[in-house]
Amino acid sequence: MDGLSNTDRLTGALNGDAYARYVKKLDAETESTERPFGVVSVDINFLKRLNDAYGREHGNICLKACFALVNGIFAPYPVFRIQGDEFVVLLENDALEKQNALVKDLREALGRSAGDDALRPWEQVSASVGCAVFEPGRDRGCNDVLRRAEEVMYAERPALRTEGVG
């Protein structure tokens, strides 16, 4: 039962409650050791537009496809669906050394998916990605790091608009 209560029923990602518990534990450990960790934030682009054009069931297919891409790149690290169209990955220990390469791999996979004309529109996952690493003295905890990762993620969005897709 515990596994079910930690899992997002739609995508299979860990859910917001599991994220809150993980962050509480991570913040407590970080406070005592200042052990570094990283946060990767992934937000699906244009999900509302997709839902409006094709229906929520097709938007749900996009959410599942996004999780599959993110989880495929970041497994075995925890991937959380923290709200509607946002996924978060928490990276610790050896994963931090791989963070930039993993984010690059994810961006490339998303680019291939979004540009694959063989896929239906709701299968062409377009998402913005941002990442940040805990900085002692600057960050009080995981929420500060998440905020900085989201700032990077949202900074990608104007580039999408200038390319005519936003």
Protein backbone atom coordinates (compact mmCIF):
# COMPACT_ATOMS: atom_id res chain seq x y z
CA MET A 1 0.00 0.00 0.00
CA ASP A 2 2.85 2.39 0.78
CA GLY A 3 4.15 2.07 -2.78
CA LEU A 4 0.75 2.97 -4.18
CA SER A 5 0.46 6.03 -1.94
CA ASN A 6 3.84 7.28 -3.26
CA THR A 7 3.05 6.77 -6.94
CA ASP A 8 1.29 9.06 -9.39
CA ARG A 9 -1.50 6.90 -10.78
CA LEU A 10 -1.37 8.37 -14.27
CA THR A 11 2.35 8.31 -15.07
CA GLY A 12 3.91 5.92 -12.58
CA ALA A 13 6.27 8.65 -11.32
CA LEU A 14 6.67 9.24 -7.61
CA ASN A 15 4.01 11.75 -6.54
CA GLY A 16 4.02 15.09 -4.74
CA ASP A 17 3.59 13.50 -1.31
CA ALA A 18 6.61 11.28 -1.89
CA TYR A 19 8.52 14.36 -3.06
CA ALA A 20 7.63 16.27 0.12
CA ARG A 21 8.85 13.39 2.31
CA TYR A 22 12.05 12.97 0.29
CA VAL A 23 12.78 16.71 0.45
CA LYS A 24 12.19 16.82 4.21
CA LYS A 25 14.72 13.99 4.68
CA LEU A 26 17.18 15.51 2.19
CA ASP A 27 16.96 18.95 3.82
CA ALA A 28 17.61 17.46 7.27
CA GLU A 29 20.67 15.59 5.99
CA THR A 30 21.93 18.63 4.09
CA GLU A 31 21.53 20.89 7.12
CA SER A 32 23.83 18.70 9.18
CA THR A 33 26.38 17.79 6.49
CA GLU A 34 25.95 20.32 3.64
CA ARG A 35 26.08 17.29 1.37
CA PRO A 36 25.53 18.47 -2.21
CA PHE A 37 22.57 17.48 -4.32
CA GLY A 38 21.06 18.58 -7.60
CA VAL A 39 17.57 19.26 -8.85
CA VAL A 40 16.39 18.85 -12.43
CA SER A 41 13.04 20.40 -13.31
CA VAL A 42 11.15 19.36 -16.46
CA ASP A 43 7.98 21.12 -17.56
CA ILE A 44 5.97 20.08 -20.61
CA ASN A 45 5.55 22.89 -23.13
CA PHE A 46 2.10 23.70 -24.47
CA LEU A 47 0.20 20.96 -22.59
CA LYS A 48 -2.87 23.18 -22.24
CA ARG A 49 -2.84 23.88 -25.97
CA LEU A 50 -2.59 20.14 -26.65
CA ASN A 51 -5.46 19.39 -24.24
CA ASP A 52 -7.60 22.09 -25.85
CA ALA A 53 -6.90 20.84 -29.39
CA TYR A 54 -7.06 17.07 -28.89
CA GLY A 55 -8.65 16.42 -25.48
CA ARG A 56 -7.31 15.66 -22.03
CA GLU A 57 -6.88 11.94 -22.78
CA HIS A 58 -4.28 12.87 -25.40
CA GLY A 59 -2.65 15.26 -22.94
CA ASN A 60 -2.41 12.31 -20.55
CA ILE A 61 -0.60 10.33 -23.25
CA CYS A 62 1.88 13.20 -23.51
CA LEU A 63 2.38 13.21 -19.73
CA LYS A 64 3.09 9.48 -19.77
CA ALA A 65 5.47 9.85 -22.71
CA CYS A 66 7.32 12.67 -20.94
CA PHE A 67 7.73 10.59 -17.80
CA ALA A 68 8.99 7.66 -19.89
CA LEU A 69 11.65 9.90 -21.49
CA VAL A 70 12.73 11.45 -18.18
CA ASN A 71 12.75 8.15 -16.32
CA GLY A 72 14.58 6.45 -19.18
CA ILE A 73 17.41 8.97 -18.93
CA PHE A 74 17.55 9.35 -15.14
CA ALA A 75 16.77 5.85 -13.82
CA PRO A 76 17.58 4.75 -11.12
CA TYR A 77 17.36 8.26 -9.63
CA PRO A 78 13.96 9.32 -8.26
CA VAL A 79 11.61 11.10 -10.68
CA PHE A 80 8.62 12.91 -9.16
CA ARG A 81 5.53 14.42 -10.77
CA ILE A 82 5.10 17.35 -8.41
CA GLN A 83 2.22 19.05 -10.20
CA GLY A 84 0.25 18.94 -13.44
CA ASP A 85 2.94 19.04 -16.10
CA GLU A 86 6.11 19.32 -14.00
CA PHE A 87 8.51 16.54 -13.16
CA VAL A 88 11.47 16.83 -10.81
CA VAL A 89 14.53 14.61 -10.51
CA LEU A 90 16.68 14.70 -7.37
CA LEU A 91 20.31 13.78 -7.83
CA GLU A 92 22.75 12.90 -5.08
CA ASN A 93 26.21 11.41 -4.71
CA ASP A 94 27.61 9.96 -7.96
CA ALA A 95 24.66 11.30 -9.96
CA LEU A 96 25.91 14.87 -9.47
CA GLU A 97 29.00 14.06 -11.50
CA LYS A 98 26.71 12.94 -14.33
CA GLN A 99 24.13 15.74 -14.03
CA ASN A 100 25.23 17.83 -17.03
CA ALA A 101 25.56 14.79 -19.28
CA LEU A 102 22.17 13.45 -18.18
CA VAL A 103 20.48 16.83 -18.78
CA LYS A 104 22.13 17.03 -22.20
CA ASP A 105 20.87 13.52 -23.02
CA LEU A 106 17.36 14.49 -21.92
CA ARG A 107 17.34 17.67 -24.00
CA GLU A 108 18.49 15.67 -27.03
CA ALA A 109 15.80 13.01 -26.48
CA LEU A 110 13.14 15.70 -26.11
CA GLY A 111 14.37 17.39 -29.28
CA ARG A 112 14.11 14.12 -31.19
CA SER A 113 10.63 13.49 -29.82
CA ALA A 114 9.31 16.99 -30.51
CA GLY A 115 10.67 16.90 -34.06
CA ASP A 116 9.57 13.38 -34.99
CA ASP A 117 6.87 13.82 -37.67
CA ALA A 118 6.14 10.08 -37.53
CA LEU A 119 4.63 10.64 -34.06
CA ARG A 120 1.18 12.04 -33.45
CA PRO A 121 1.12 15.55 -31.91
CA TRP A 122 0.38 14.25 -28.40
CA GLU A 123 3.32 11.83 -28.66
CA GLN A 124 5.77 14.58 -29.67
CA VAL A 125 6.97 15.61 -26.23
CA SER A 126 8.26 19.15 -25.97
CA ALA A 127 9.53 20.18 -22.55
CA SER A 128 11.76 22.78 -20.96
CA VAL A 129 14.51 21.63 -18.64
CA GLY A 130 16.44 23.39 -15.91
CA CYS A 131 18.90 22.22 -13.30
CA ALA A 132 20.70 23.59 -10.27
CA VAL A 133 23.00 22.27 -7.56
CA PHE A 134 22.78 23.02 -3.85
CA GLU A 135 25.12 25.85 -2.86
CA PRO A 136 25.85 26.16 0.88
CA GLY A 137 25.33 29.73 2.05
CA ARG A 138 23.07 30.50 -0.88
CA ASP A 139 20.40 27.82 -0.51
CA ARG A 140 18.49 26.99 2.65
CA GLY A 141 17.25 23.72 1.23
CA CYS A 142 15.76 21.84 -1.67
CA ASN A 143 13.02 24.38 -2.39
CA ASP A 144 15.64 27.07 -3.04
CA VAL A 145 17.48 24.77 -5.43
CA LEU A 146 14.20 23.83 -7.16
CA ARG A 147 13.37 27.52 -7.59
CA ARG A 148 16.72 28.14 -9.27
CA ALA A 149 16.27 25.08 -11.52
CA GLU A 150 12.83 26.37 -12.51
CA GLU A 151 14.31 29.79 -13.35
CA VAL A 152 16.67 28.09 -15.80
CA MET A 153 13.78 26.04 -17.17
CA TYR A 154 11.53 29.07 -17.68
CA ALA A 155 14.38 30.94 -19.38
CA GLU A 156 14.19 28.33 -22.18
CA ARG A 157 10.62 29.26 -22.99
CA PRO A 158 11.27 32.61 -24.75
CA ALA A 159 13.57 30.75 -27.17
CA LEU A 160 10.65 28.52 -28.09
CA ARG A 161 8.46 31.53 -28.86
CA THR A 162 11.09 33.07 -31.15
CA GLU A 163 11.24 29.81 -33.09
CA GLY A 164 7.52 30.13 -33.82
CA VAL A 165 6.36 27.17 -31.78
CA GLY A 166 5.17 29.06 -28.72
